Amino acid sequence: MPQPYLTLAEVEALAREAHSGQTDKAGRPYSEHLQAVAEGVRDRGGSEEQIAAAWLHDAVEDDALSADWLDRAALTALTKTIVLALTKQEDEPPESYAQRILDTPGALVVKESDLAHNADPARLAVLDEHTRARLSRKYAAMRRLLGLPPL
């Protein structure tokens, strides 16, 4: 008998545990970023599957959880597909990464929320000028590739 899917609360707890001890570029607990992305997806009208993917969007890429774990996890196929679409491959050109997101139903809203939080002026303000400028250019370029308006 198949096991039921994880609840959003269970996915959140797993993501927080998987990323425990990690910090963002500003030294803040990484779980704050995950929560902001999940809330952004909810605010944009995202489904529970998309919100679950938001909590897990960096888990495989950051080696917080393995691709094998994701494959076996009690998550919907859509949530798993979105997480994998958002997992950047080593040396992957931004254009192919963006195209995979655009080709994956439900992934764009998660990436849009991720980019919005990454480009939050309050988050960027604590970084040195060089890093702030580099990241601002990177996030703006990805928004253009995804067909999203500038912030």
N, C-alpha and C. Protein backbone atom coordinates (compact mmCIF):
# COMPACT_ATOMS: atom_id res chain seq x y z
N MET A 1 0.84 -1.18 0.00
CA MET A 1 0.00 0.00 0.00
C MET A 1 0.88 1.24 0.00
N PRO A 2 0.67 2.17 -0.93
CA PRO A 2 1.54 3.35 -0.99
C PRO A 2 1.36 4.23 0.24
N GLN A 3 2.47 4.83 0.66
CA GLN A 3 2.40 5.72 1.81
C GLN A 3 1.82 7.07 1.39
N PRO A 4 1.14 7.74 2.32
CA PRO A 4 0.59 9.06 1.98
C PRO A 4 1.72 10.07 1.75
N TYR A 5 1.37 11.11 1.04
CA TYR A 5 2.35 12.16 0.80
C TYR A 5 2.66 12.92 2.08
N LEU A 6 3.86 13.46 2.14
CA LEU A 6 4.25 14.31 3.26
C LEU A 6 3.37 15.55 3.29
N THR A 7 3.03 16.01 4.47
CA THR A 7 2.29 17.26 4.60
C THR A 7 3.26 18.42 4.40
N LEU A 8 2.72 19.61 4.17
CA LEU A 8 3.59 20.79 4.06
C LEU A 8 4.39 21.00 5.34
N ALA A 9 3.78 20.76 6.49
CA ALA A 9 4.50 20.92 7.76
C ALA A 9 5.66 19.92 7.84
N GLU A 10 5.45 18.72 7.36
CA GLU A 10 6.53 17.72 7.36
C GLU A 10 7.64 18.10 6.38
N VAL A 11 7.24 18.60 5.21
CA VAL A 11 8.24 19.05 4.22
C VAL A 11 9.05 20.21 4.80
N GLU A 12 8.38 21.16 5.42
CA GLU A 12 9.08 22.29 6.05
C GLU A 12 10.07 21.78 7.09
N ALA A 13 9.64 20.89 7.97
CA ALA A 13 10.53 20.37 9.01
C ALA A 13 11.73 19.64 8.40
N LEU A 14 11.49 18.86 7.35
CA LEU A 14 12.59 18.17 6.66
C LEU A 14 13.57 19.16 6.06
N ALA A 15 13.06 20.18 5.39
CA ALA A 15 13.92 21.18 4.76
C ALA A 15 14.73 21.93 5.80
N ARG A 16 14.08 22.32 6.89
CA ARG A 16 14.80 23.04 7.96
C ARG A 16 15.92 22.16 8.53
N GLU A 17 15.62 20.89 8.76
CA GLU A 17 16.62 19.97 9.30
C GLU A 17 17.75 19.75 8.29
N ALA A 18 17.40 19.54 7.03
CA ALA A 18 18.40 19.28 6.00
C ALA A 18 19.37 20.45 5.83
N HIS A 19 18.87 21.67 6.01
CA HIS A 19 19.70 22.86 5.83
C HIS A 19 20.19 23.43 7.16
N SER A 20 19.97 22.73 8.26
CA SER A 20 20.38 23.27 9.56
C SER A 20 21.89 23.48 9.57
N GLY A 21 22.29 24.57 10.16
CA GLY A 21 23.71 24.92 10.19
C GLY A 21 24.17 25.68 8.96
N GLN A 22 23.39 25.72 7.90
CA GLN A 22 23.76 26.47 6.70
C GLN A 22 23.32 27.91 6.85
N THR A 23 24.09 28.80 6.26
CA THR A 23 23.75 30.21 6.27
C THR A 23 23.75 30.74 4.84
N ASP A 24 23.08 31.86 4.64
CA ASP A 24 23.10 32.50 3.33
C ASP A 24 24.33 33.39 3.22
N LYS A 25 24.46 34.11 2.12
CA LYS A 25 25.64 34.95 1.89
C LYS A 25 25.78 36.06 2.93
N ALA A 26 24.67 36.40 3.58
CA ALA A 26 24.69 37.45 4.60
C ALA A 26 24.90 36.88 6.01
N GLY A 27 25.04 35.55 6.09
CA GLY A 27 25.27 34.92 7.38
C GLY A 27 24.00 34.58 8.15
N ARG A 28 22.85 34.75 7.52
CA ARG A 28 21.57 34.43 8.15
C ARG A 28 21.28 32.94 8.00
N PRO A 29 20.50 32.36 8.92
CA PRO A 29 20.13 30.94 8.77
C PRO A 29 19.45 30.70 7.41
N TYR A 30 19.89 29.68 6.71
CA TYR A 30 19.38 29.42 5.37
C TYR A 30 17.88 29.15 5.37
N SER A 31 17.37 28.62 6.48
CA SER A 31 15.93 28.33 6.56
C SER A 31 15.09 29.59 6.39
N GLU A 32 15.64 30.76 6.71
CA GLU A 32 14.89 32.00 6.49
C GLU A 32 14.62 32.21 5.01
N HIS A 33 15.60 31.89 4.17
CA HIS A 33 15.42 32.01 2.72
C HIS A 33 14.35 31.03 2.25
N LEU A 34 14.42 29.79 2.71
CA LEU A 34 13.45 28.78 2.30
C LEU A 34 12.04 29.20 2.68
N GLN A 35 11.89 29.73 3.89
CA GLN A 35 10.57 30.18 4.35
C GLN A 35 10.08 31.34 3.48
N ALA A 36 10.95 32.28 3.16
CA ALA A 36 10.55 33.42 2.34
C ALA A 36 10.13 32.97 0.94
N VAL A 37 10.84 32.01 0.37
CA VAL A 37 10.48 31.51 -0.96
C VAL A 37 9.13 30.79 -0.90
N ALA A 38 8.93 29.96 0.12
CA ALA A 38 7.66 29.26 0.27
C ALA A 38 6.50 30.24 0.45
N GLU A 39 6.70 31.27 1.27
CA GLU A 39 5.67 32.28 1.47
C GLU A 39 5.41 33.05 0.18
N GLY A 40 6.47 33.33 -0.57
CA GLY A 40 6.31 34.02 -1.85
C GLY A 40 5.51 33.20 -2.84
N VAL A 41 5.73 31.90 -2.85
CA VAL A 41 4.96 31.02 -3.74
C VAL A 41 3.49 31.03 -3.31
N ARG A 42 3.26 30.95 -2.01
CA ARG A 42 1.87 30.99 -1.50
C ARG A 42 1.21 32.32 -1.90
N ASP A 43 1.93 33.43 -1.70
CA ASP A 43 1.40 34.76 -2.02
C ASP A 43 1.11 34.91 -3.51
N ARG A 44 1.83 34.17 -4.35
CA ARG A 44 1.63 34.23 -5.80
C ARG A 44 0.57 33.24 -6.26
N GLY A 45 -0.13 32.60 -5.32
CA GLY A 45 -1.20 31.68 -5.65
C GLY A 45 -0.74 30.27 -5.97
N GLY A 46 0.48 29.93 -5.56
CA GLY A 46 1.00 28.60 -5.83
C GLY A 46 0.26 27.50 -5.09
N SER A 47 0.32 26.31 -5.63
CA SER A 47 -0.33 25.15 -5.04
C SER A 47 0.52 24.59 -3.89
N GLU A 48 -0.05 23.65 -3.15
CA GLU A 48 0.71 22.99 -2.08
C GLU A 48 1.94 22.27 -2.66
N GLU A 49 1.79 21.70 -3.85
CA GLU A 49 2.93 21.02 -4.48
C GLU A 49 4.05 22.02 -4.79
N GLN A 50 3.69 23.20 -5.24
CA GLN A 50 4.70 24.23 -5.52
C GLN A 50 5.31 24.76 -4.23
N ILE A 51 4.51 24.90 -3.18
CA ILE A 51 5.04 25.36 -1.89
C ILE A 51 6.00 24.32 -1.33
N ALA A 52 5.66 23.05 -1.46
CA ALA A 52 6.58 21.98 -1.02
C ALA A 52 7.89 22.07 -1.80
N ALA A 53 7.80 22.29 -3.11
CA ALA A 53 9.00 22.42 -3.93
C ALA A 53 9.82 23.64 -3.50
N ALA A 54 9.14 24.71 -3.09
CA ALA A 54 9.86 25.90 -2.63
C ALA A 54 10.70 25.57 -1.40
N TRP A 55 10.12 24.83 -0.47
CA TRP A 55 10.89 24.43 0.73
C TRP A 55 12.10 23.60 0.35
N LEU A 56 12.00 22.83 -0.73
CA LEU A 56 13.08 21.90 -1.11
C LEU A 56 13.90 22.37 -2.30
N HIS A 57 13.67 23.59 -2.78
CA HIS A 57 14.24 24.00 -4.07
C HIS A 57 15.75 23.97 -4.15
N ASP A 58 16.44 24.11 -3.04
CA ASP A 58 17.91 24.06 -3.05
C ASP A 58 18.48 22.81 -2.40
N ALA A 59 17.63 21.91 -1.95
CA ALA A 59 18.10 20.76 -1.15
C ALA A 59 19.05 19.85 -1.91
N VAL A 60 18.73 19.51 -3.14
CA VAL A 60 19.57 18.61 -3.91
C VAL A 60 20.82 19.36 -4.40
N GLU A 61 20.61 20.57 -4.88
CA GLU A 61 21.74 21.38 -5.38
C GLU A 61 22.79 21.63 -4.29
N ASP A 62 22.34 21.85 -3.08
CA ASP A 62 23.24 22.12 -1.96
C ASP A 62 23.71 20.86 -1.24
N ASP A 63 23.35 19.70 -1.77
CA ASP A 63 23.69 18.41 -1.15
C ASP A 63 23.13 18.28 0.27
N ALA A 64 22.05 18.99 0.56
CA ALA A 64 21.39 18.85 1.85
C ALA A 64 20.56 17.56 1.86
N LEU A 65 20.03 17.19 0.70
CA LEU A 65 19.33 15.93 0.49
C LEU A 65 19.79 15.38 -0.85
N SER A 66 19.82 14.08 -0.99
CA SER A 66 20.31 13.48 -2.24
C SER A 66 19.18 13.36 -3.27
N ALA A 67 19.57 13.24 -4.51
CA ALA A 67 18.60 13.00 -5.58
C ALA A 67 17.91 11.66 -5.33
N ASP A 68 18.62 10.70 -4.77
CA ASP A 68 18.03 9.41 -4.44
C ASP A 68 16.96 9.57 -3.37
N TRP A 69 17.23 10.40 -2.36
CA TRP A 69 16.22 10.66 -1.34
C TRP A 69 14.98 11.25 -1.99
N LEU A 70 15.19 12.24 -2.86
CA LEU A 70 14.06 12.89 -3.52
C LEU A 70 13.25 11.88 -4.32
N ASP A 71 13.94 11.00 -5.02
CA ASP A 71 13.26 10.00 -5.84
C ASP A 71 12.36 9.10 -4.99
N ARG A 72 12.80 8.76 -3.79
CA ARG A 72 12.05 7.85 -2.91
C ARG A 72 11.06 8.57 -1.98
N ALA A 73 11.17 9.88 -1.88
CA ALA A 73 10.36 10.65 -0.92
C ALA A 73 8.87 10.56 -1.24
N ALA A 74 8.08 10.67 -0.19
CA ALA A 74 6.62 10.64 -0.32
C ALA A 74 6.12 12.02 -0.73
N LEU A 75 6.50 12.39 -1.95
CA LEU A 75 6.12 13.67 -2.54
C LEU A 75 5.46 13.39 -3.88
N THR A 76 4.65 14.32 -4.33
CA THR A 76 4.01 14.12 -5.64
C THR A 76 5.06 14.20 -6.74
N ALA A 77 4.73 13.61 -7.87
CA ALA A 77 5.63 13.66 -9.02
C ALA A 77 5.89 15.10 -9.43
N LEU A 78 4.87 15.96 -9.35
CA LEU A 78 5.04 17.36 -9.73
C LEU A 78 6.04 18.06 -8.81
N THR A 79 5.93 17.85 -7.51
CA THR A 79 6.87 18.48 -6.59
C THR A 79 8.30 18.03 -6.90
N LYS A 80 8.48 16.75 -7.10
CA LYS A 80 9.82 16.22 -7.41
C LYS A 80 10.36 16.81 -8.72
N THR A 81 9.49 16.90 -9.72
CA THR A 81 9.90 17.44 -11.02
C THR A 81 10.31 18.90 -10.89
N ILE A 82 9.58 19.68 -10.11
CA ILE A 82 9.92 21.09 -9.92
C ILE A 82 11.26 21.21 -9.21
N VAL A 83 11.46 20.43 -8.15
CA VAL A 83 12.75 20.49 -7.42
C VAL A 83 13.90 20.17 -8.37
N LEU A 84 13.75 19.13 -9.17
CA LEU A 84 14.83 18.78 -10.10
C LEU A 84 15.03 19.85 -11.17
N ALA A 85 13.95 20.47 -11.62
CA ALA A 85 14.09 21.55 -12.61
C ALA A 85 14.85 22.72 -12.04
N LEU A 86 14.70 22.98 -10.74
CA LEU A 86 15.37 24.11 -10.10
C LEU A 86 16.78 23.78 -9.62
N THR A 87 17.19 22.54 -9.78
CA THR A 87 18.52 22.11 -9.35
C THR A 87 19.51 22.38 -10.47
N LYS A 88 20.34 23.39 -10.28
CA LYS A 88 21.34 23.74 -11.28
C LYS A 88 22.39 22.64 -11.36
N GLN A 89 22.79 22.32 -12.57
CA GLN A 89 23.84 21.34 -12.79
C GLN A 89 25.18 22.07 -12.85
N GLU A 90 26.24 21.39 -12.46
CA GLU A 90 27.56 21.99 -12.49
C GLU A 90 27.90 22.44 -13.91
N ASP A 91 28.38 23.66 -14.03
CA ASP A 91 28.78 24.26 -15.32
C ASP A 91 27.64 24.38 -16.33
N GLU A 92 26.40 24.35 -15.85
CA GLU A 92 25.26 24.49 -16.75
C GLU A 92 25.10 25.95 -17.17
N PRO A 93 24.96 26.22 -18.46
CA PRO A 93 24.73 27.59 -18.90
C PRO A 93 23.39 28.12 -18.37
N PRO A 94 23.33 29.39 -18.01
CA PRO A 94 22.08 29.95 -17.51
C PRO A 94 20.92 29.77 -18.48
N GLU A 95 21.20 29.81 -19.78
CA GLU A 95 20.14 29.68 -20.78
C GLU A 95 19.46 28.32 -20.71
N SER A 96 20.24 27.25 -20.54
CA SER A 96 19.63 25.92 -20.47
C SER A 96 18.90 25.72 -19.15
N TYR A 97 19.45 26.29 -18.08
CA TYR A 97 18.78 26.23 -16.78
C TYR A 97 17.43 26.93 -16.86
N ALA A 98 17.41 28.13 -17.43
CA ALA A 98 16.16 28.88 -17.56
C ALA A 98 15.17 28.14 -18.45
N GLN A 99 15.64 27.54 -19.53
CA GLN A 99 14.73 26.82 -20.42
C GLN A 99 14.10 25.63 -19.72
N ARG A 100 14.88 24.92 -18.89
CA ARG A 100 14.32 23.79 -18.15
C ARG A 100 13.21 24.26 -17.20
N ILE A 101 13.43 25.39 -16.55
CA ILE A 101 12.41 25.95 -15.66
C ILE A 101 11.16 26.29 -16.45
N LEU A 102 11.34 26.95 -17.59
CA LEU A 102 10.18 27.33 -18.42
C LEU A 102 9.45 26.11 -18.97
N ASP A 103 10.17 25.01 -19.19
CA ASP A 103 9.58 23.80 -19.74
C ASP A 103 8.90 22.92 -18.68
N THR A 104 9.08 23.27 -17.40
CA THR A 104 8.54 22.45 -16.31
C THR A 104 7.32 23.13 -15.71
N PRO A 105 6.15 22.55 -15.90
CA PRO A 105 4.95 23.15 -15.32
C PRO A 105 5.11 23.37 -13.81
N GLY A 106 4.78 24.58 -13.38
CA GLY A 106 4.81 24.91 -11.96
C GLY A 106 6.13 25.42 -11.43
N ALA A 107 7.20 25.32 -12.20
CA ALA A 107 8.52 25.70 -11.69
C ALA A 107 8.75 27.21 -11.70
N LEU A 108 8.17 27.91 -12.65
CA LEU A 108 8.46 29.34 -12.80
C LEU A 108 8.07 30.14 -11.56
N VAL A 109 6.92 29.85 -10.97
CA VAL A 109 6.49 30.62 -9.80
C VAL A 109 7.46 30.41 -8.63
N VAL A 110 8.02 29.22 -8.51
CA VAL A 110 8.98 28.95 -7.43
C VAL A 110 10.27 29.73 -7.70
N LYS A 111 10.74 29.71 -8.93
CA LYS A 111 11.97 30.44 -9.25
C LYS A 111 11.75 31.94 -9.15
N GLU A 112 10.58 32.42 -9.55
CA GLU A 112 10.28 33.85 -9.43
C GLU A 112 10.35 34.27 -7.95
N SER A 113 9.80 33.48 -7.08
CA SER A 113 9.83 33.78 -5.65
C SER A 113 11.26 33.72 -5.12
N ASP A 114 12.02 32.74 -5.57
CA ASP A 114 13.43 32.61 -5.18
C ASP A 114 14.22 33.85 -5.60
N LEU A 115 14.07 34.25 -6.84
CA LEU A 115 14.78 35.42 -7.34
C LEU A 115 14.37 36.69 -6.61
N ALA A 116 13.09 36.82 -6.33
CA ALA A 116 12.60 38.01 -5.63
C ALA A 116 13.24 38.11 -4.24
N HIS A 117 13.33 37.00 -3.54
CA HIS A 117 13.95 37.05 -2.21
C HIS A 117 15.45 37.26 -2.32
N ASN A 118 16.08 36.60 -3.27
CA ASN A 118 17.53 36.78 -3.45
C ASN A 118 17.88 38.23 -3.76
N ALA A 119 17.03 38.90 -4.51
CA ALA A 119 17.29 40.28 -4.94
C ALA A 119 16.70 41.32 -3.98
N ASP A 120 16.18 40.89 -2.86
CA ASP A 120 15.62 41.82 -1.87
C ASP A 120 16.69 42.82 -1.46
N PRO A 121 16.44 44.11 -1.65
CA PRO A 121 17.44 45.12 -1.32
C PRO A 121 17.95 45.02 0.13
N ALA A 122 17.11 44.64 1.05
CA ALA A 122 17.55 44.51 2.45
C ALA A 122 18.56 43.38 2.60
N ARG A 123 18.38 42.29 1.87
CA ARG A 123 19.35 41.19 1.92
C ARG A 123 20.65 41.59 1.23
N LEU A 124 20.53 42.26 0.10
CA LEU A 124 21.73 42.65 -0.65
C LEU A 124 22.52 43.74 0.06
N ALA A 125 21.85 44.58 0.83
CA ALA A 125 22.51 45.73 1.47
C ALA A 125 23.63 45.34 2.43
N VAL A 126 23.55 44.16 3.00
CA VAL A 126 24.58 43.75 3.98
C VAL A 126 25.81 43.16 3.32
N LEU A 127 25.77 42.99 2.00
CA LEU A 127 26.91 42.42 1.27
C LEU A 127 27.85 43.52 0.82
N ASP A 128 29.10 43.16 0.54
CA ASP A 128 30.04 44.15 0.02
C ASP A 128 29.60 44.58 -1.38
N GLU A 129 30.04 45.75 -1.79
CA GLU A 129 29.59 46.36 -3.04
C GLU A 129 29.82 45.45 -4.24
N HIS A 130 30.98 44.83 -4.33
CA HIS A 130 31.30 43.95 -5.47
C HIS A 130 30.32 42.77 -5.53
N THR A 131 30.10 42.12 -4.40
CA THR A 131 29.19 40.97 -4.36
C THR A 131 27.77 41.40 -4.66
N ARG A 132 27.35 42.51 -4.08
CA ARG A 132 26.00 43.03 -4.32
C ARG A 132 25.78 43.31 -5.80
N ALA A 133 26.73 43.95 -6.45
CA ALA A 133 26.60 44.28 -7.88
C ALA A 133 26.60 43.01 -8.73
N ARG A 134 27.48 42.07 -8.42
CA ARG A 134 27.56 40.82 -9.18
C ARG A 134 26.25 40.04 -9.07
N LEU A 135 25.74 39.90 -7.86
CA LEU A 135 24.50 39.15 -7.66
C LEU A 135 23.31 39.88 -8.29
N SER A 136 23.25 41.18 -8.18
CA SER A 136 22.15 41.94 -8.80
C SER A 136 22.12 41.71 -10.30
N ARG A 137 23.29 41.73 -10.95
CA ARG A 137 23.37 41.47 -12.40
C ARG A 137 22.92 40.04 -12.70
N LYS A 138 23.38 39.09 -11.90
CA LYS A 138 23.03 37.68 -12.10
C LYS A 138 21.52 37.46 -11.99
N TYR A 139 20.90 38.02 -10.95
CA TYR A 139 19.47 37.83 -10.75
C TYR A 139 18.67 38.53 -11.84
N ALA A 140 19.09 39.71 -12.26
CA ALA A 140 18.39 40.43 -13.32
C ALA A 140 18.50 39.67 -14.65
N ALA A 141 19.66 39.11 -14.92
CA ALA A 141 19.84 38.34 -16.15
C ALA A 141 18.94 37.11 -16.16
N MET A 142 18.82 36.42 -15.04
CA MET A 142 17.96 35.25 -14.98
C MET A 142 16.49 35.66 -15.14
N ARG A 143 16.10 36.77 -14.54
CA ARG A 143 14.72 37.24 -14.72
C ARG A 143 14.44 37.49 -16.20
N ARG A 144 15.40 38.08 -16.92
CA ARG A 144 15.22 38.33 -18.35
C ARG A 144 15.07 37.01 -19.11
N LEU A 145 15.94 36.03 -18.81
CA LEU A 145 15.87 34.73 -19.49
C LEU A 145 14.53 34.03 -19.25
N LEU A 146 13.95 34.28 -18.09
CA LEU A 146 12.67 33.64 -17.73
C LEU A 146 11.47 34.46 -18.19
N GLY A 147 11.73 35.64 -18.78
CA GLY A 147 10.64 36.48 -19.25
C GLY A 147 9.91 37.20 -18.14
N LEU A 148 10.59 37.36 -17.00
CA LEU A 148 9.98 38.06 -15.86
C LEU A 148 10.34 39.54 -15.91
N PRO A 149 9.45 40.41 -15.46
CA PRO A 149 9.76 41.85 -15.48
C PRO A 149 10.86 42.16 -14.47
N PRO A 150 11.60 43.24 -14.69
CA PRO A 150 12.61 43.65 -13.71
C PRO A 150 11.94 44.01 -12.40
N LEU A 151 12.71 43.87 -11.33
CA LEU A 151 12.18 44.25 -10.01
C LEU A 151 12.29 45.74 -9.79
